[in-house]
C-alpha atoms as a PDB file:
ATOM      1  CA  UNK A   1      35.541  26.260  44.756  1.00  0.00           C
ATOM      2  CA  UNK A   2      32.678  28.808  43.887  1.00  0.00           C
ATOM      3  CA  UNK A   3      33.618  28.475  40.144  1.00  0.00           C
ATOM      4  CA  UNK A   4      33.382  24.572  40.392  1.00  0.00           C
ATOM      5  CA  UNK A   5      30.092  24.600  42.078  1.00  0.00           C
ATOM      6  CA  UNK A   6      28.636  27.110  39.555  1.00  0.00           C
ATOM      7  CA  UNK A   7      29.997  24.846  36.746  1.00  0.00           C
ATOM      8  CA  UNK A   8      28.528  21.893  38.335  1.00  0.00           C
ATOM      9  CA  UNK A   9      25.255  23.561  38.881  1.00  0.00           C
ATOM     10  CA  UNK A  10      25.271  24.891  35.279  1.00  0.00           C
ATOM     11  CA  UNK A  11      25.883  21.229  33.898  1.00  0.00           C
ATOM     12  CA  UNK A  12      23.240  19.735  35.899  1.00  0.00           C
ATOM     13  CA  UNK A  13      20.768  22.286  34.484  1.00  0.00           C
ATOM     14  CA  UNK A  14      21.764  21.549  31.047  1.00  0.00           C
ATOM     15  CA  UNK A  15      21.318  18.043  31.436  1.00  0.00           C
ATOM     16  CA  UNK A  16      17.961  18.314  33.139  1.00  0.00           C
ATOM     17  CA  UNK A  17      17.105  20.396  30.308  1.00  0.00           C
ATOM     18  CA  UNK A  18      18.000  17.656  27.790  1.00  0.00           C
ATOM     19  CA  UNK A  19      15.667  15.046  29.512  1.00  0.00           C
ATOM     20  CA  UNK A  20      13.945  12.723  27.134  1.00  0.00           C
ATOM     21  CA  UNK A  21      10.315  13.035  27.000  1.00  0.00           C
ATOM     22  CA  UNK A  22       8.291   9.798  27.190  1.00  0.00           C
ATOM     23  CA  UNK A  23       7.452   8.242  23.525  1.00  0.00           C
ATOM     24  CA  UNK A  24       3.768   8.448  22.284  1.00  0.00           C
ATOM     25  CA  UNK A  25       2.963   6.115  19.545  1.00  0.00           C
ATOM     26  CA  UNK A  26       1.162   7.862  16.471  1.00  0.00           C
ATOM     27  CA  UNK A  27      -2.630   7.564  16.549  1.00  0.00           C
ATOM     28  CA  UNK A  28      -3.717   5.689  13.531  1.00  0.00           C
ATOM     29  CA  UNK A  29      -5.849   7.572  11.036  1.00  0.00           C
ATOM     30  CA  UNK A  30      -9.391   6.140  11.329  1.00  0.00           C
ATOM     31  CA  UNK A  31     -11.263   8.436   8.984  1.00  0.00           C
ATOM     32  CA  UNK A  32     -14.534   6.510   7.957  1.00  0.00           C
ATOM     33  CA  UNK A  33     -15.574   9.138   5.537  1.00  0.00           C
ATOM     34  CA  UNK A  34     -12.840   8.211   2.979  1.00  0.00           C
ATOM     35  CA  UNK A  35     -13.283   5.367   0.764  1.00  0.00           C
ATOM     36  CA  UNK A  36     -10.726   2.690   0.869  1.00  0.00           C
ATOM     37  CA  UNK A  37      -7.931   2.707  -1.550  1.00  0.00           C
ATOM     38  CA  UNK A  38      -7.669  -0.185  -3.769  1.00  0.00           C
ATOM     39  CA  UNK A  39      -4.165  -0.849  -4.603  1.00  0.00           C
ATOM     40  CA  UNK A  40      -4.309  -3.220  -7.566  1.00  0.00           C
ATOM     41  CA  UNK A  41      -7.707  -2.374  -8.812  1.00  0.00           C
ATOM     42  CA  UNK A  42      -6.471  -1.336 -12.510  1.00  0.00           C
ATOM     43  CA  UNK A  43      -4.401  -4.426 -12.615  1.00  0.00           C
ATOM     44  CA  UNK A  44      -7.338  -6.518 -11.703  1.00  0.00           C
ATOM     45  CA  UNK A  45      -9.445  -4.945 -14.360  1.00  0.00           C
ATOM     46  CA  UNK A  46      -6.989  -5.443 -17.031  1.00  0.00           C
ATOM     47  CA  UNK A  47      -6.680  -9.234 -16.065  1.00  0.00           C
ATOM     48  CA  UNK A  48     -10.381  -9.625 -16.160  1.00  0.00           C
ATOM     49  CA  UNK A  49     -10.756  -7.939 -19.440  1.00  0.00           C
ATOM     50  CA  UNK A  50      -7.998 -10.333 -20.812  1.00  0.00           C
ATOM     51  CA  UNK A  51      -9.680 -13.273 -19.484  1.00  0.00           C
ATOM     52  CA  UNK A  52     -12.953 -12.087 -21.196  1.00  0.00           C
ATOM     53  CA  UNK A  53     -11.127 -11.683 -24.326  1.00  0.00           C
ATOM     54  CA  UNK A  54      -9.642 -15.235 -24.036  1.00  0.00           C
ATOM     55  CA  UNK A  55     -12.941 -16.645 -23.703  1.00  0.00           C
ATOM     56  CA  UNK A  56     -14.223 -15.115 -26.997  1.00  0.00           C
ATOM     57  CA  UNK A  57     -11.091 -16.354 -28.800  1.00  0.00           C
ATOM     58  CA  UNK A  58     -11.913 -19.624 -27.626  1.00  0.00           C
ATOM     59  CA  UNK A  59     -15.503 -19.557 -28.804  1.00  0.00           C
ATOM     60  CA  UNK A  60     -14.463 -18.082 -32.055  1.00  0.00           C
ATOM     61  CA  UNK A  61     -11.868 -21.051 -32.469  1.00  0.00           C
ATOM     62  CA  UNK A  62     -14.523 -23.584 -31.832  1.00  0.00           C
ATOM     63  CA  UNK A  63     -16.925 -21.951 -34.381  1.00  0.00           C
ATOM     64  CA  UNK A  64     -14.354 -22.154 -36.827  1.00  0.00           C
ATOM     65  CA  UNK A  65     -13.613 -25.468 -36.191  1.00  0.00           C
ATOM     66  CA  UNK A  66     -17.308 -26.511 -36.527  1.00  0.00           C
ATOM     67  CA  UNK A  67     -17.605 -24.672 -39.846  1.00  0.00           C
ATOM     68  CA  UNK A  68     -14.324 -26.084 -40.904  1.00  0.00           C
ATOM     69  CA  UNK A  69     -15.773 -29.727 -40.248  1.00  0.00           C
ATOM     70  CA  UNK A  70     -19.321 -28.666 -41.658  1.00  0.00           C
ATOM     71  CA  UNK A  71     -17.546 -27.703 -45.018  1.00  0.00           C
ATOM     72  CA  UNK A  72     -15.533 -30.838 -45.097  1.00  0.00           C
ATOM     73  CA  UNK A  73     -18.322 -33.027 -45.229  1.00  0.00           C
END
């Protein structure tokens, strides 16, 4: 009987030691000192450069077309 009581008390003590602690959600990092990370900035810069090159090529094509018309007259 004594052994059963000791075994029961030991089991209760072990179960009490394994109690879950309440969940605390992580605190978001709100450092205002750090600059914001721009994820797609290199891709945007490349796209803008490509648009500028496209405009330049269109203008060159128009200029060549005008020059061809003038030469044909």
